Protein backbone atom coordinates (compact mmCIF):
# COMPACT_ATOMS: atom_id res chain seq x y z
CA MET A 1 1.95 96.39 -14.51
CA ALA A 2 5.14 94.39 -15.15
CA PHE A 3 5.22 90.86 -13.69
CA THR A 4 8.56 89.05 -13.22
CA LEU A 5 8.75 85.29 -12.75
CA PRO A 6 10.85 84.26 -9.71
CA THR A 7 14.18 82.60 -10.30
CA ARG A 8 14.58 78.91 -9.47
CA ARG A 9 16.60 79.84 -6.36
CA GLN A 10 13.86 82.22 -5.18
CA ALA A 11 11.17 79.58 -5.78
CA LEU A 12 13.07 76.94 -3.80
CA ALA A 13 13.65 79.38 -0.96
CA GLY A 14 9.94 80.23 -0.85
CA ALA A 15 8.97 76.55 -0.78
CA ALA A 16 11.40 75.88 2.05
CA ALA A 17 9.94 78.76 4.05
CA THR A 18 6.43 77.40 3.53
CA LEU A 19 7.45 73.92 4.70
CA ALA A 20 9.25 75.39 7.69
CA THR A 21 6.17 77.26 8.90
CA ALA A 22 3.61 74.52 8.10
CA PRO A 23 4.28 72.36 11.18
CA ALA A 24 4.02 75.38 13.46
CA ALA A 25 0.72 76.38 11.88
CA HIS A 26 -0.57 72.81 12.20
CA ALA A 27 0.51 72.65 15.83
CA GLN A 28 -1.28 75.93 16.53
CA TYR A 29 -4.47 74.55 14.95
CA ALA A 30 -4.20 71.25 16.82
CA GLU A 31 -3.80 73.04 20.15
CA HIS A 32 -7.11 74.86 19.81
CA LYS A 33 -9.67 73.43 22.20
CA PRO A 34 -13.37 74.20 22.10
CA ARG A 35 -14.96 75.95 25.08
CA PHE A 36 -16.61 72.67 26.04
CA ARG A 37 -17.70 69.32 24.66
CA ALA A 38 -21.28 68.02 24.71
CA LEU A 39 -22.56 64.47 24.40
CA ILE A 40 -26.00 63.99 22.84
CA LEU A 41 -27.73 60.80 23.95
CA ALA A 42 -30.44 60.72 21.30
CA GLU A 43 -33.52 58.55 21.29
CA ARG A 44 -34.28 56.49 18.22
CA ALA A 45 -38.02 56.95 17.90
CA SER A 46 -40.69 57.50 15.29
CA GLY A 47 -43.08 60.20 14.24
CA ASP A 48 -43.16 63.42 16.24
CA HIS A 49 -40.64 62.23 18.82
CA GLN A 50 -38.04 61.53 16.16
CA SER A 51 -38.74 64.87 14.54
CA PHE A 52 -37.97 66.59 17.85
CA VAL A 53 -34.73 64.65 18.24
CA ASP A 54 -33.68 65.52 14.69
CA ALA A 55 -34.57 69.18 15.19
CA GLY A 56 -32.68 69.27 18.49
CA LYS A 57 -29.56 67.81 16.91
CA ALA A 58 -29.84 70.26 14.00
CA TYR A 59 -30.18 73.18 16.42
CA ILE A 60 -27.10 72.08 18.35
CA ALA A 61 -25.17 71.63 15.10
CA LYS A 62 -26.12 75.19 14.16
CA ILE A 63 -25.10 76.91 17.39
CA ALA A 64 -22.00 74.82 18.16
CA PRO A 65 -19.62 76.51 15.66
CA GLN A 66 -21.10 79.92 16.47
CA ASN A 67 -20.26 79.42 20.15
CA ASP A 68 -17.07 77.37 19.84
CA PHE A 69 -18.20 74.11 21.38
CA ALA A 70 -18.01 70.57 20.05
CA PHE A 71 -20.43 67.69 20.33
CA ASP A 72 -20.82 64.01 19.60
CA SER A 73 -24.03 62.03 19.28
CA ILE A 74 -24.88 58.44 20.23
CA THR A 75 -28.14 56.48 20.14
CA SER A 76 -27.22 53.76 22.62
CA THR A 77 -25.70 53.69 26.10
CA SER A 78 -23.28 50.93 25.02
CA PRO A 79 -20.25 53.26 24.61
CA ILE A 80 -20.76 54.89 28.01
CA ASN A 81 -18.29 54.27 30.82
CA ASP A 82 -16.26 56.53 33.12
CA GLU A 83 -13.50 57.13 30.56
CA PHE A 84 -15.99 57.90 27.82
CA LEU A 85 -17.95 60.44 29.89
CA ALA A 86 -14.73 62.12 31.06
CA GLN A 87 -14.49 63.67 27.56
CA TYR A 88 -17.66 65.71 28.01
CA ASN A 89 -18.72 68.76 30.01
CA ILE A 90 -22.43 68.13 29.53
CA ILE A 91 -24.74 65.26 28.62
CA ILE A 92 -27.85 66.16 26.63
CA GLN A 93 -30.40 63.37 27.08
CA LEU A 94 -32.47 64.18 24.03
CA ASN A 95 -35.67 62.24 24.79
CA TYR A 96 -33.68 59.08 25.57
CA PRO A 97 -35.65 57.13 28.21
CA PRO A 98 -34.32 56.32 31.69
CA TYR A 99 -34.39 52.55 31.22
CA ASN A 100 -32.60 49.82 29.24
CA TRP A 101 -29.19 51.30 30.03
CA THR A 102 -26.24 48.96 30.27
CA PRO A 103 -25.18 48.42 33.91
CA ILE A 104 -21.78 49.98 33.17
CA ALA A 105 -23.40 53.04 31.59
CA GLN A 106 -25.85 53.44 34.46
CA ALA A 107 -23.08 53.27 37.08
CA ALA A 108 -20.86 55.70 35.14
CA PHE A 109 -23.73 58.17 34.72
CA GLU A 110 -24.57 58.01 38.42
CA ARG A 111 -20.96 58.82 39.33
CA TYR A 112 -20.87 61.60 36.73
CA MET A 113 -23.89 63.23 38.37
CA THR A 114 -23.20 62.59 42.05
CA GLU A 115 -19.53 63.61 41.81
CA GLY A 116 -20.23 66.65 39.65
CA LYS A 117 -18.03 65.61 36.74
CA GLY A 118 -20.15 67.54 34.25
CA GLY A 119 -23.66 68.81 33.60
CA TRP A 120 -26.89 67.26 32.36
CA MET A 121 -30.04 68.38 30.60
CA GLY A 122 -32.89 66.00 29.83
CA PHE A 123 -36.05 66.33 27.78
CA HIS A 124 -39.49 64.73 27.70
CA HIS A 125 -38.89 60.95 27.72
CA ALA A 126 -36.00 61.39 30.15
CA ALA A 127 -38.67 61.33 32.89
CA LEU A 128 -40.64 58.40 31.45
CA LEU A 129 -40.41 56.68 34.81
CA GLY A 130 -42.32 53.46 35.28
CA ASP A 131 -42.45 49.97 33.77
CA PHE A 132 -41.99 50.41 30.02
CA ASP A 133 -41.06 48.09 27.16
CA GLY A 134 -40.57 45.24 29.60
CA TRP A 135 -38.07 47.17 31.73
CA PRO A 136 -38.66 48.03 35.40
CA MET A 137 -38.39 51.57 36.65
CA SER A 138 -34.95 52.69 37.73
CA PRO A 139 -35.14 53.75 41.41
CA TRP A 140 -32.04 55.89 40.93
CA PHE A 141 -33.54 57.83 38.02
CA SER A 142 -36.82 58.23 39.92
CA ASN A 143 -34.92 59.74 42.85
CA PHE A 144 -32.89 61.91 40.50
CA MET A 145 -36.12 63.27 38.99
CA GLY A 146 -37.56 64.07 42.41
CA GLY A 147 -39.08 60.74 43.48
CA ILE A 148 -41.77 60.55 40.79
CA ARG A 149 -43.43 57.87 38.66
CA PHE A 150 -45.20 58.44 35.33
CA THR A 151 -48.99 58.07 35.46
CA HIS A 152 -50.55 59.54 32.31
CA TYR A 153 -50.27 61.92 29.38
CA LEU A 154 -52.58 63.93 27.14
CA PRO A 155 -52.87 61.84 23.96
CA ASN A 156 -54.82 64.59 22.16
CA PHE A 157 -52.37 67.31 23.27
CA ALA A 158 -53.16 70.73 24.66
CA ARG A 159 -52.08 74.32 24.33
CA ALA A 160 -50.94 75.68 27.69
CA THR A 161 -49.04 78.46 29.43
CA VAL A 162 -45.69 77.81 31.09
CA LYS A 163 -44.88 80.11 33.99
CA ILE A 164 -41.28 80.86 34.97
CA GLU A 165 -41.19 80.66 38.76
CA ASP A 166 -37.51 81.47 39.32
CA ARG A 167 -36.88 84.61 37.32
CA ASN A 168 -33.30 84.83 38.64
CA HIS A 169 -32.20 81.43 37.42
CA PRO A 170 -29.78 81.50 34.44
CA LEU A 171 -32.25 79.37 32.49
CA ALA A 172 -34.73 82.25 32.64
CA LYS A 173 -32.40 84.73 30.93
CA GLY A 174 -34.21 86.39 28.03
CA LEU A 175 -37.50 84.66 28.80
CA PRO A 176 -40.79 86.39 29.65
CA GLU A 177 -42.61 85.66 32.91
CA SER A 178 -44.76 83.19 30.99
CA PHE A 179 -45.09 81.86 27.48
CA VAL A 180 -47.46 79.61 25.56
CA ILE A 181 -46.56 76.16 24.28
CA ALA A 182 -48.93 75.60 21.38
CA LYS A 183 -48.92 71.79 21.46
CA GLU A 184 -47.74 69.28 24.03
CA GLU A 185 -48.87 66.02 25.62
CA TRP A 186 -48.17 67.18 29.22
CA TYR A 187 -47.23 64.20 31.37
CA THR A 188 -48.62 63.65 34.81
CA TRP A 189 -46.71 61.92 37.59
CA ASP A 190 -47.91 60.28 40.81
CA ARG A 191 -46.80 63.34 42.76
CA SER A 192 -45.23 66.73 42.27
CA PRO A 193 -41.42 66.62 42.44
CA ARG A 194 -41.45 70.05 44.12
CA PRO A 195 -40.52 68.89 47.66
CA ASN A 196 -37.32 67.30 46.30
CA VAL A 197 -36.26 69.62 43.49
CA HIS A 198 -35.87 73.31 42.64
CA VAL A 199 -38.74 74.26 40.36
CA ILE A 200 -37.84 76.75 37.63
CA GLY A 201 -41.07 76.59 35.63
CA SER A 202 -44.52 75.03 35.80
CA VAL A 203 -47.49 74.63 33.49
CA ASP A 204 -50.74 76.39 34.34
CA GLU A 205 -53.26 73.57 34.14
CA ALA A 206 -56.11 76.11 34.08
CA SER A 207 -54.80 77.31 30.71
CA TYR A 208 -55.19 73.94 28.94
CA GLN A 209 -56.91 74.26 25.57
CA PRO A 210 -58.84 72.05 25.18
CA ASN A 211 -59.52 71.45 28.84
CA THR A 212 -58.91 67.97 30.21
CA MET A 213 -59.44 65.97 33.38
CA ILE A 214 -55.88 64.61 33.15
CA LYS A 215 -54.15 66.97 35.55
CA MET A 216 -51.77 67.01 38.50
CA GLY A 217 -54.18 69.01 40.63
CA GLY A 218 -52.68 72.46 40.24
CA ASP A 219 -49.00 71.96 41.09
CA HIS A 220 -47.42 70.79 37.85
CA PRO A 221 -43.69 71.55 37.47
CA VAL A 222 -42.26 71.11 33.96
CA ILE A 223 -38.77 72.65 34.34
CA TRP A 224 -36.69 71.78 37.38
CA SER A 225 -33.25 71.07 38.77
CA ASN A 226 -32.24 68.68 41.55
CA PRO A 227 -29.83 70.49 43.91
CA ASN A 228 -29.06 67.27 45.76
CA PHE A 229 -26.56 66.34 43.05
CA LYS A 230 -23.21 68.02 42.52
CA ALA A 231 -23.66 68.14 38.76
CA ARG A 232 -25.62 71.01 37.26
CA ASN A 233 -28.81 69.43 35.98
CA VAL A 234 -32.12 70.47 34.49
CA TYR A 235 -35.12 68.54 33.26
CA ILE A 236 -37.33 70.20 30.65
CA PHE A 237 -40.56 68.32 30.05
CA MET A 238 -41.37 69.76 26.61
CA GLY A 239 -40.01 67.75 23.70
CA HIS A 240 -42.69 66.06 21.67
CA HIS A 241 -42.30 67.61 18.21
CA ALA A 242 -39.94 69.61 16.01
CA GLY A 243 -42.21 72.65 15.94
CA LEU A 244 -41.01 73.57 19.42
CA PHE A 245 -37.83 74.97 17.85
CA ASP A 246 -39.95 77.47 15.91
CA ASP A 247 -40.91 78.96 19.27
CA PRO A 248 -38.24 81.53 20.21
CA ASN A 249 -38.95 81.05 23.92
CA PHE A 250 -38.39 77.31 23.79
CA ALA A 251 -35.27 77.78 21.66
CA ARG A 252 -33.96 80.30 24.21
CA LEU A 253 -34.67 77.87 27.06
CA PHE A 254 -32.86 75.09 25.19
CA HIS A 255 -29.91 77.41 24.49
CA ASN A 256 -29.70 78.61 28.08
CA ALA A 257 -29.80 75.06 29.42
CA ILE A 258 -26.83 73.97 27.30
CA PHE A 259 -24.56 76.77 28.46
CA TRP A 260 -25.66 76.71 32.09
CA GLY A 261 -25.32 72.92 32.24
CA ALA A 262 -21.84 73.13 30.71
CA GLY A 263 -20.79 75.70 33.30
CA GLN A 264 -20.57 78.47 30.75
């Protein structure tokens, strides 16, 4: 096949055409907006808790480009104020505890939730309500979580069955009626949050392996939403170790929570 080099005039014309279209192409790229933006408030921990946080961030990083959403991650509440939160459609409290927040961050978060400015999903330590690390319990967070206070946990862990109570909730999409969590430290609180929240799932204390005396007495919610706040919100107790993401049911629950919380 014969190949003819372009003349100098043709080359210059081609270059000019490329330069002329480049700004338009750049503008088109710059105008693209993701479906939504998520903020990860990630705990800095150690051991299994850190492994869960790292696995959660890796999972989000994997599904974000596949589903056209963007995310940022912070490990302190210092950046949080009203203007900062206005950038995000959902806050993912990835094991970050409900204490030692800056006053500005706490006030901004409360407005974000009460005024319905976005969504929220919290895991595990997000309901570590009590006096911890020298910090008093936040009454607002306790009310947000259904009026509960942390009492105990299972230090030796237990295998247990989680039952989905609200099969029609978007969080239940693709989930069976019940599924087994192979290892968790199952918190107990001073009371069930049920009277003040909408329970989506609970743990069957009779299924604990090994059995334990550390129980709530039969009514033990582990997935719930508080309908008294405008913002979509869900608390998911499980979140102790990275192996949870190897469980397709937990991964599906995590996935559903992100998109439901973001209004998607």
